[in-house]
Amino acid sequence: MKILVCISHVPDTTSKINFTESDGKFDTAGVQFVINPNDEFGLTRAMWFKEKQGASVDVVTVGGTEVEPTLRKALAIGADSAIRVDTEALDGLQVARELAEVAKSGAYDLVIAGRESIDYNGGMVPGMLAELTGADFINNCIGLEIEGSTATAIREMDGGKETLTASLPLVIGGQKGLVEESDLRIPNMRGIMMARKKPLNVTPSAQSQIESEIVKFEKPALKGAVKLVDATNLDELVALLHNEAKVI
């Protein structure tokens, strides 16, 4: 079985976020980048298929040379090879088209993507990727087993869970629950050394058309100052909740 894991190169949630060019561009200075958490769950599940069923696992991302440390981390975790599509990721459909070209040329049985990336939270790429490759698609996936050419998946839905079966080739949008957090892997020294010898292939862009553009970024408004009310002054508390907070 051939597995392709789509990796997003995203800012660590502890990074301080700023924008440049009149708030039209994300400022990467001083920002630590990591593997998108939803993708990390998918990569860990792919490692299980590699170890238990002898699957081969490739990882892919769209971006410039700045994304290569993230791909190298995925290789250190255990992926067999990495692919970098040499173009800037600017639009969800553009990224899906670029990934689709990789998926089709590699004839992968299973494509694992994160449900969404934690930077833009678009949640668009996995579904569009499935459509572009003609594969079945299961989103919000929190469980996955494969027997022969049949996959059994559990997906999270409003009010509960749903168990589905699908035929390979298959694209899933994975998330927390696909594996336990305790099963996530931290690269060890042996994995890091081996990653240096594994192939990281750079493929040219398919020149996918950009369908949208970012006009402006805006940070959430700062929270107002806290007002302290004496514990015995219930009338003032009620008045503030009614007149200012407008919650009663």
C-alpha atoms as a PDB file:
ATOM      1  CA  MET A   1       0.000   0.000   0.000  1.00  0.00           C
ATOM      2  CA  LYS A   2       1.291   3.450  -0.941  1.00  0.00           C
ATOM      3  CA  ILE A   3       0.417   6.300   1.395  1.00  0.00           C
ATOM      4  CA  LEU A   4       0.863  10.025   0.787  1.00  0.00           C
ATOM      5  CA  VAL A   5       0.649  12.312   3.806  1.00  0.00           C
ATOM      6  CA  CYS A   6       0.026  15.999   3.107  1.00  0.00           C
ATOM      7  CA  ILE A   7       1.956  18.223   5.498  1.00  0.00           C
ATOM      8  CA  SER A   8       1.249  21.886   6.240  1.00  0.00           C
ATOM      9  CA  HIS A   9       4.075  24.126   7.450  1.00  0.00           C
ATOM     10  CA  VAL A  10       2.359  26.267  10.103  1.00  0.00           C
ATOM     11  CA  PRO A  11       3.380  28.702  12.863  1.00  0.00           C
ATOM     12  CA  ASP A  12       3.666  27.300  16.361  1.00  0.00           C
ATOM     13  CA  THR A  13       0.683  28.464  18.408  1.00  0.00           C
ATOM     14  CA  THR A  14       3.039  30.082  20.933  1.00  0.00           C
ATOM     15  CA  SER A  15       4.547  32.383  18.289  1.00  0.00           C
ATOM     16  CA  LYS A  16       3.827  36.095  18.348  1.00  0.00           C
ATOM     17  CA  ILE A  17       1.990  36.970  15.142  1.00  0.00           C
ATOM     18  CA  ASN A  18       2.546  40.212  13.232  1.00  0.00           C
ATOM     19  CA  PHE A  19       1.813  41.503   9.740  1.00  0.00           C
ATOM     20  CA  THR A  20       3.686  43.727   7.287  1.00  0.00           C
ATOM     21  CA  GLU A  21       2.910  45.691   4.103  1.00  0.00           C
ATOM     22  CA  SER A  22      -0.128  47.476   5.553  1.00  0.00           C
ATOM     23  CA  ASP A  23      -1.344  44.246   7.193  1.00  0.00           C
ATOM     24  CA  GLY A  24      -1.371  42.501   3.822  1.00  0.00           C
ATOM     25  CA  LYS A  25       1.362  39.949   4.460  1.00  0.00           C
ATOM     26  CA  PHE A  26       2.213  37.607   7.327  1.00  0.00           C
ATOM     27  CA  ASP A  27       5.512  38.467   9.012  1.00  0.00           C
ATOM     28  CA  THR A  28       7.547  35.274   9.416  1.00  0.00           C
ATOM     29  CA  ALA A  29      10.429  36.957  11.291  1.00  0.00           C
ATOM     30  CA  GLY A  30      11.083  35.195  14.573  1.00  0.00           C
ATOM     31  CA  VAL A  31       8.262  32.687  14.059  1.00  0.00           C
ATOM     32  CA  GLN A  32       8.820  29.005  14.837  1.00  0.00           C
ATOM     33  CA  PHE A  33       7.161  26.686  12.311  1.00  0.00           C
ATOM     34  CA  VAL A  34       5.928  23.146  13.000  1.00  0.00           C
ATOM     35  CA  ILE A  35       4.007  20.296  11.373  1.00  0.00           C
ATOM     36  CA  ASN A  36       0.308  21.133  11.377  1.00  0.00           C
ATOM     37  CA  PRO A  37      -1.159  19.211  14.368  1.00  0.00           C
ATOM     38  CA  ASN A  38      -3.959  17.586  12.327  1.00  0.00           C
ATOM     39  CA  ASP A  39      -1.344  16.398   9.824  1.00  0.00           C
ATOM     40  CA  GLU A  40       0.819  15.032  12.639  1.00  0.00           C
ATOM     41  CA  PHE A  41      -2.016  12.757  13.749  1.00  0.00           C
ATOM     42  CA  GLY A  42      -2.293  11.533  10.156  1.00  0.00           C
ATOM     43  CA  LEU A  43       1.445  10.983   9.830  1.00  0.00           C
ATOM     44  CA  THR A  44       1.498   8.940  13.028  1.00  0.00           C
ATOM     45  CA  ARG A  45      -1.347   6.758  11.723  1.00  0.00           C
ATOM     46  CA  ALA A  46       0.550   6.283   8.474  1.00  0.00           C
ATOM     47  CA  MET A  47       3.561   5.087  10.504  1.00  0.00           C
ATOM     48  CA  TRP A  48       1.301   2.451  12.065  1.00  0.00           C
ATOM     49  CA  PHE A  49       0.339   1.173   8.600  1.00  0.00           C
ATOM     50  CA  LYS A  50       4.012   1.132   7.645  1.00  0.00           C
ATOM     51  CA  GLU A  51       5.037  -0.903  10.667  1.00  0.00           C
ATOM     52  CA  LYS A  52       2.037  -3.263  10.794  1.00  0.00           C
ATOM     53  CA  GLN A  53       1.209  -3.697   7.106  1.00  0.00           C
ATOM     54  CA  GLY A  54       4.428  -2.816   5.286  1.00  0.00           C
ATOM     55  CA  ALA A  55       3.058   0.342   3.668  1.00  0.00           C
ATOM     56  CA  SER A  56       5.357   2.904   2.079  1.00  0.00           C
ATOM     57  CA  VAL A  57       4.872   6.477   3.292  1.00  0.00           C
ATOM     58  CA  ASP A  58       5.723   9.675   1.425  1.00  0.00           C
ATOM     59  CA  VAL A  59       5.084  13.189   2.689  1.00  0.00           C
ATOM     60  CA  VAL A  60       4.383  16.234   0.543  1.00  0.00           C
ATOM     61  CA  THR A  61       3.957  19.953   0.993  1.00  0.00           C
ATOM     62  CA  VAL A  62       3.659  23.007  -1.214  1.00  0.00           C
ATOM     63  CA  GLY A  63       6.150  25.794  -0.577  1.00  0.00           C
ATOM     64  CA  GLY A  64       9.647  27.186  -0.945  1.00  0.00           C
ATOM     65  CA  THR A  65      12.874  26.044   0.668  1.00  0.00           C
ATOM     66  CA  GLU A  66      11.670  27.391   4.024  1.00  0.00           C
ATOM     67  CA  VAL A  67       9.348  24.376   4.422  1.00  0.00           C
ATOM     68  CA  GLU A  68      12.128  21.798   4.124  1.00  0.00           C
ATOM     69  CA  PRO A  69      12.932  21.622   7.876  1.00  0.00           C
ATOM     70  CA  THR A  70       9.307  20.603   8.456  1.00  0.00           C
ATOM     71  CA  LEU A  71       9.601  17.884   5.802  1.00  0.00           C
ATOM     72  CA  ARG A  72      12.868  16.720   7.351  1.00  0.00           C
ATOM     73  CA  LYS A  73      11.086  16.376  10.698  1.00  0.00           C
ATOM     74  CA  ALA A  74       8.463  14.182   9.021  1.00  0.00           C
ATOM     75  CA  LEU A  75      11.278  12.058   7.573  1.00  0.00           C
ATOM     76  CA  ALA A  76      12.856  11.804  11.021  1.00  0.00           C
ATOM     77  CA  ILE A  77       9.536  10.580  12.400  1.00  0.00           C
ATOM     78  CA  GLY A  78       9.664   7.735   9.870  1.00  0.00           C
ATOM     79  CA  ALA A  79       8.417   8.732   6.420  1.00  0.00           C
ATOM     80  CA  ASP A  80      10.331   7.105   3.559  1.00  0.00           C
ATOM     81  CA  SER A  81      10.676  10.136   1.286  1.00  0.00           C
ATOM     82  CA  ALA A  82       9.493  13.722   0.961  1.00  0.00           C
ATOM     83  CA  ILE A  83       8.230  15.820  -1.920  1.00  0.00           C
ATOM     84  CA  ARG A  84       8.255  19.608  -2.046  1.00  0.00           C
ATOM     85  CA  VAL A  85       6.177  21.261  -4.747  1.00  0.00           C
ATOM     86  CA  ASP A  86       8.236  24.321  -5.596  1.00  0.00           C
ATOM     87  CA  THR A  87       5.727  27.154  -5.431  1.00  0.00           C
ATOM     88  CA  GLU A  88       4.258  29.420  -2.775  1.00  0.00           C
ATOM     89  CA  ALA A  89       0.984  28.228  -1.248  1.00  0.00           C
ATOM     90  CA  LEU A  90      -1.413  31.113  -1.861  1.00  0.00           C
ATOM     91  CA  ASP A  91      -4.892  29.620  -2.227  1.00  0.00           C
ATOM     92  CA  GLY A  92      -6.723  26.479  -1.086  1.00  0.00           C
ATOM     93  CA  LEU A  93      -7.711  25.345  -4.577  1.00  0.00           C
ATOM     94  CA  GLN A  94      -4.237  26.048  -5.917  1.00  0.00           C
ATOM     95  CA  VAL A  95      -2.717  23.862  -3.181  1.00  0.00           C
ATOM     96  CA  ALA A  96      -5.246  21.088  -3.848  1.00  0.00           C
ATOM     97  CA  ARG A  97      -4.424  21.151  -7.561  1.00  0.00           C
ATOM     98  CA  GLU A  98      -0.698  20.937  -6.882  1.00  0.00           C
ATOM     99  CA  LEU A  99      -1.174  18.051  -4.435  1.00  0.00           C
ATOM    100  CA  ALA A 100      -3.506  16.286  -6.861  1.00  0.00           C
ATOM    101  CA  GLU A 101      -0.776  16.203  -9.501  1.00  0.00           C
ATOM    102  CA  VAL A 102       1.574  14.542  -7.006  1.00  0.00           C
ATOM    103  CA  ALA A 103      -1.081  12.076  -5.853  1.00  0.00           C
ATOM    104  CA  LYS A 104      -2.021  11.056  -9.396  1.00  0.00           C
ATOM    105  CA  SER A 105       1.552  10.691 -10.625  1.00  0.00           C
ATOM    106  CA  GLY A 106       2.437   8.552  -7.602  1.00  0.00           C
ATOM    107  CA  ALA A 107      -0.664   6.315  -7.870  1.00  0.00           C
ATOM    108  CA  TYR A 108      -1.192   6.387  -4.115  1.00  0.00           C
ATOM    109  CA  ASP A 109      -3.763   4.122  -2.483  1.00  0.00           C
ATOM    110  CA  LEU A 110      -4.346   6.381   0.518  1.00  0.00           C
ATOM    111  CA  VAL A 111      -3.889  10.141   0.871  1.00  0.00           C
ATOM    112  CA  ILE A 112      -3.984  11.462   4.427  1.00  0.00           C
ATOM    113  CA  ALA A 113      -4.460  15.191   4.942  1.00  0.00           C
ATOM    114  CA  GLY A 114      -5.356  17.144   8.035  1.00  0.00           C
ATOM    115  CA  ARG A 115      -8.972  18.248   8.356  1.00  0.00           C
ATOM    116  CA  GLU A 116      -7.664  21.823   8.308  1.00  0.00           C
ATOM    117  CA  SER A 117      -4.483  23.748   8.991  1.00  0.00           C
ATOM    118  CA  ILE A 118      -4.243  25.802  12.157  1.00  0.00           C
ATOM    119  CA  ASP A 119      -3.056  28.949  10.378  1.00  0.00           C
ATOM    120  CA  TYR A 120      -5.891  29.724   7.928  1.00  0.00           C
ATOM    121  CA  ASN A 121      -8.425  27.091   9.112  1.00  0.00           C
ATOM    122  CA  GLY A 122      -9.907  26.871   5.618  1.00  0.00           C
ATOM    123  CA  GLY A 123     -10.742  23.164   5.752  1.00  0.00           C
ATOM    124  CA  MET A 124     -10.974  23.094   1.949  1.00  0.00           C
ATOM    125  CA  VAL A 125      -7.981  21.174   0.647  1.00  0.00           C
ATOM    126  CA  PRO A 126      -8.819  17.512   1.508  1.00  0.00           C
ATOM    127  CA  GLY A 127     -12.250  17.577  -0.128  1.00  0.00           C
ATOM    128  CA  MET A 128     -11.026  19.345  -3.246  1.00  0.00           C
ATOM    129  CA  LEU A 129      -8.075  16.968  -3.463  1.00  0.00           C
ATOM    130  CA  ALA A 130     -10.447  13.984  -3.410  1.00  0.00           C
ATOM    131  CA  GLU A 131     -12.577  15.516  -6.162  1.00  0.00           C
ATOM    132  CA  LEU A 132      -9.548  16.282  -8.332  1.00  0.00           C
ATOM    133  CA  THR A 133      -8.159  12.749  -8.004  1.00  0.00           C
ATOM    134  CA  GLY A 134     -11.507  10.941  -8.261  1.00  0.00           C
ATOM    135  CA  ALA A 135     -11.002   9.228  -4.900  1.00  0.00           C
ATOM    136  CA  ASP A 136     -13.503   8.550  -2.134  1.00  0.00           C
ATOM    137  CA  PHE A 137     -13.388  11.075   0.708  1.00  0.00           C
ATOM    138  CA  ILE A 138     -13.988  10.904   4.454  1.00  0.00           C
ATOM    139  CA  ASN A 139     -13.569  14.048   6.551  1.00  0.00           C
ATOM    140  CA  ASN A 140     -13.224  14.593  10.323  1.00  0.00           C
ATOM    141  CA  CYS A 141     -11.684  11.134  10.512  1.00  0.00           C
ATOM    142  CA  ILE A 142     -10.902   9.845  14.022  1.00  0.00           C
ATOM    143  CA  GLY A 143     -10.333   6.174  13.216  1.00  0.00           C
ATOM    144  CA  LEU A 144      -9.029   4.256  10.217  1.00  0.00           C
ATOM    145  CA  GLU A 145      -8.414   0.572   9.464  1.00  0.00           C
ATOM    146  CA  ILE A 146      -7.564  -0.922   6.069  1.00  0.00           C
ATOM    147  CA  GLU A 147      -8.012  -4.520   4.982  1.00  0.00           C
ATOM    148  CA  GLY A 148      -7.030  -5.225   1.398  1.00  0.00           C
ATOM    149  CA  SER A 149      -8.676  -2.569  -0.766  1.00  0.00           C
ATOM    150  CA  THR A 150     -11.373  -1.690   1.784  1.00  0.00           C
ATOM    151  CA  ALA A 151     -11.071   1.023   4.425  1.00  0.00           C
ATOM    152  CA  THR A 152     -13.195   1.261   7.536  1.00  0.00           C
ATOM    153  CA  ALA A 153     -13.225   4.748   9.017  1.00  0.00           C
ATOM    154  CA  ILE A 154     -14.843   6.491  11.949  1.00  0.00           C
ATOM    155  CA  ARG A 155     -15.668  10.136  11.536  1.00  0.00           C
ATOM    156  CA  GLU A 156     -16.831  12.691  14.054  1.00  0.00           C
ATOM    157  CA  MET A 157     -20.227  14.215  13.356  1.00  0.00           C
ATOM    158  CA  ASP A 158     -22.688  16.461  15.171  1.00  0.00           C
ATOM    159  CA  GLY A 159     -23.941  14.566  18.179  1.00  0.00           C
ATOM    160  CA  GLY A 160     -21.822  11.465  17.771  1.00  0.00           C
ATOM    161  CA  LYS A 161     -19.676   9.284  15.526  1.00  0.00           C
ATOM    162  CA  GLU A 162     -20.280   7.515  12.234  1.00  0.00           C
ATOM    163  CA  THR A 163     -18.586   4.368  10.913  1.00  0.00           C
ATOM    164  CA  LEU A 164     -18.114   4.172   7.138  1.00  0.00           C
ATOM    165  CA  THR A 165     -16.532   1.823   4.630  1.00  0.00           C
ATOM    166  CA  ALA A 166     -14.890   2.961   1.406  1.00  0.00           C
ATOM    167  CA  SER A 167     -12.760   1.533  -1.361  1.00  0.00           C
ATOM    168  CA  LEU A 168      -9.216   2.580  -2.103  1.00  0.00           C
ATOM    169  CA  PRO A 169      -8.020   4.975  -3.417  1.00  0.00           C
ATOM    170  CA  LEU A 170      -9.188   7.141  -0.542  1.00  0.00           C
ATOM    171  CA  VAL A 171      -8.547  10.643   0.768  1.00  0.00           C
ATOM    172  CA  ILE A 172      -9.185  11.371   4.439  1.00  0.00           C
ATOM    173  CA  GLY A 173      -9.226  14.578   6.441  1.00  0.00           C
ATOM    174  CA  GLY A 174      -7.746  13.493   9.765  1.00  0.00           C
ATOM    175  CA  GLN A 175      -7.860  15.170  13.142  1.00  0.00           C
ATOM    176  CA  LYS A 176      -7.234  14.621  16.838  1.00  0.00           C
ATOM    177  CA  GLY A 177      -8.437  11.129  17.703  1.00  0.00           C
ATOM    178  CA  LEU A 178      -7.014   9.419  14.621  1.00  0.00           C
ATOM    179  CA  VAL A 179      -4.310   8.370  17.073  1.00  0.00           C
ATOM    180  CA  GLU A 180      -3.934   9.136  20.760  1.00  0.00           C
ATOM    181  CA  GLU A 181      -1.886  12.203  21.642  1.00  0.00           C
ATOM    182  CA  SER A 182       0.389   9.949  23.684  1.00  0.00           C
ATOM    183  CA  ASP A 183       1.222   8.052  20.464  1.00  0.00           C
ATOM    184  CA  LEU A 184       2.560  11.120  18.633  1.00  0.00           C
ATOM    185  CA  ARG A 185       6.228  10.681  17.859  1.00  0.00           C
ATOM    186  CA  ILE A 186       9.159  12.928  18.664  1.00  0.00           C
ATOM    187  CA  PRO A 187      12.144  12.423  16.345  1.00  0.00           C
ATOM    188  CA  ASN A 188      15.056  10.742  18.103  1.00  0.00           C
ATOM    189  CA  MET A 189      18.725  11.100  17.203  1.00  0.00           C
ATOM    190  CA  ARG A 190      18.716   7.951  15.062  1.00  0.00           C
ATOM    191  CA  GLY A 191      15.678   9.174  13.137  1.00  0.00           C
ATOM    192  CA  ILE A 192      17.255  12.602  12.604  1.00  0.00           C
ATOM    193  CA  MET A 193      20.464  11.048  11.258  1.00  0.00           C
ATOM    194  CA  MET A 194      18.544   8.707   8.950  1.00  0.00           C
ATOM    195  CA  ALA A 195      16.409  11.596   7.682  1.00  0.00           C
ATOM    196  CA  ARG A 196      19.524  13.223   6.234  1.00  0.00           C
ATOM    197  CA  LYS A 197      19.960  10.259   3.888  1.00  0.00           C
ATOM    198  CA  LYS A 198      16.333  10.004   2.793  1.00  0.00           C
ATOM    199  CA  PRO A 199      15.286  11.632  -0.494  1.00  0.00           C
ATOM    200  CA  LEU A 200      13.663  15.062  -0.476  1.00  0.00           C
ATOM    201  CA  ASN A 201      12.510  15.570  -4.040  1.00  0.00           C
ATOM    202  CA  VAL A 202      11.641  18.983  -5.424  1.00  0.00           C
ATOM    203  CA  THR A 203       9.009  18.937  -8.156  1.00  0.00           C
ATOM    204  CA  PRO A 204       8.068  21.932 -10.313  1.00  0.00           C
ATOM    205  CA  SER A 205       4.719  23.614  -9.909  1.00  0.00           C
ATOM    206  CA  ALA A 206       1.826  22.634 -12.144  1.00  0.00           C
ATOM    207  CA  GLN A 207       1.242  26.396 -12.495  1.00  0.00           C
ATOM    208  CA  SER A 208      -2.198  26.143 -10.915  1.00  0.00           C
ATOM    209  CA  GLN A 209      -4.326  29.242 -11.242  1.00  0.00           C
ATOM    210  CA  ILE A 210      -4.794  31.402  -8.148  1.00  0.00           C
ATOM    211  CA  GLU A 211      -8.528  31.863  -7.559  1.00  0.00           C
ATOM    212  CA  SER A 212      -8.395  34.192  -4.543  1.00  0.00           C
ATOM    213  CA  GLU A 213      -6.010  36.548  -2.790  1.00  0.00           C
ATOM    214  CA  ILE A 214      -5.506  37.867   0.709  1.00  0.00           C
ATOM    215  CA  VAL A 215      -6.421  41.534   0.970  1.00  0.00           C
ATOM    216  CA  LYS A 216      -5.772  42.201   4.627  1.00  0.00           C
ATOM    217  CA  PHE A 217      -5.089  40.513   7.951  1.00  0.00           C
ATOM    218  CA  GLU A 218      -6.601  41.779  11.173  1.00  0.00           C
ATOM    219  CA  LYS A 219      -5.849  40.705  14.723  1.00  0.00           C
ATOM    220  CA  PRO A 220      -8.698  40.096  17.176  1.00  0.00           C
ATOM    221  CA  ALA A 221      -9.679  43.187  19.130  1.00  0.00           C
ATOM    222  CA  LEU A 222      -8.026  43.547  22.508  1.00  0.00           C
ATOM    223  CA  LYS A 223     -10.155  42.638  25.462  1.00  0.00           C
ATOM    224  CA  GLY A 224     -11.371  45.524  27.588  1.00  0.00           C
ATOM    225  CA  ALA A 225     -10.126  46.197  31.083  1.00  0.00           C
ATOM    226  CA  VAL A 226     -11.542  44.077  33.869  1.00  0.00           C
ATOM    227  CA  LYS A 227     -13.960  45.774  36.235  1.00  0.00           C
ATOM    228  CA  LEU A 228     -13.859  44.524  39.792  1.00  0.00           C
ATOM    229  CA  VAL A 229     -17.080  44.642  41.794  1.00  0.00           C
ATOM    230  CA  ASP A 230     -17.237  44.263  45.528  1.00  0.00           C
ATOM    231  CA  ALA A 231     -18.739  40.914  46.442  1.00  0.00           C
ATOM    232  CA  THR A 232     -21.388  42.632  48.547  1.00  0.00           C
ATOM    233  CA  ASN A 233     -22.504  45.058  45.818  1.00  0.00           C
ATOM    234  CA  LEU A 234     -24.868  42.856  43.824  1.00  0.00           C
ATOM    235  CA  ASP A 235     -26.852  45.808  42.481  1.00  0.00           C
ATOM    236  CA  GLU A 236     -23.776  47.203  40.708  1.00  0.00           C
ATOM    237  CA  LEU A 237     -22.922  43.764  39.313  1.00  0.00           C
ATOM    238  CA  VAL A 238     -26.423  43.309  37.908  1.00  0.00           C
ATOM    239  CA  ALA A 239     -26.361  46.820  36.405  1.00  0.00           C
ATOM    240  CA  LEU A 240     -23.029  46.169  34.665  1.00  0.00           C
ATOM    241  CA  LEU A 241     -24.171  42.836  33.286  1.00  0.00           C
ATOM    242  CA  HIS A 242     -27.371  44.424  32.026  1.00  0.00           C
ATOM    243  CA  ASN A 243     -26.167  47.811  30.704  1.00  0.00           C
ATOM    244  CA  GLU A 244     -22.550  47.156  29.611  1.00  0.00           C
ATOM    245  CA  ALA A 245     -22.084  43.454  29.027  1.00  0.00           C
ATOM    246  CA  LYS A 246     -25.694  43.116  27.873  1.00  0.00           C
ATOM    247  CA  VAL A 247     -25.842  39.484  28.870  1.00  0.00           C
ATOM    248  CA  ILE A 248     -28.989  39.778  30.962  1.00  0.00           C
END
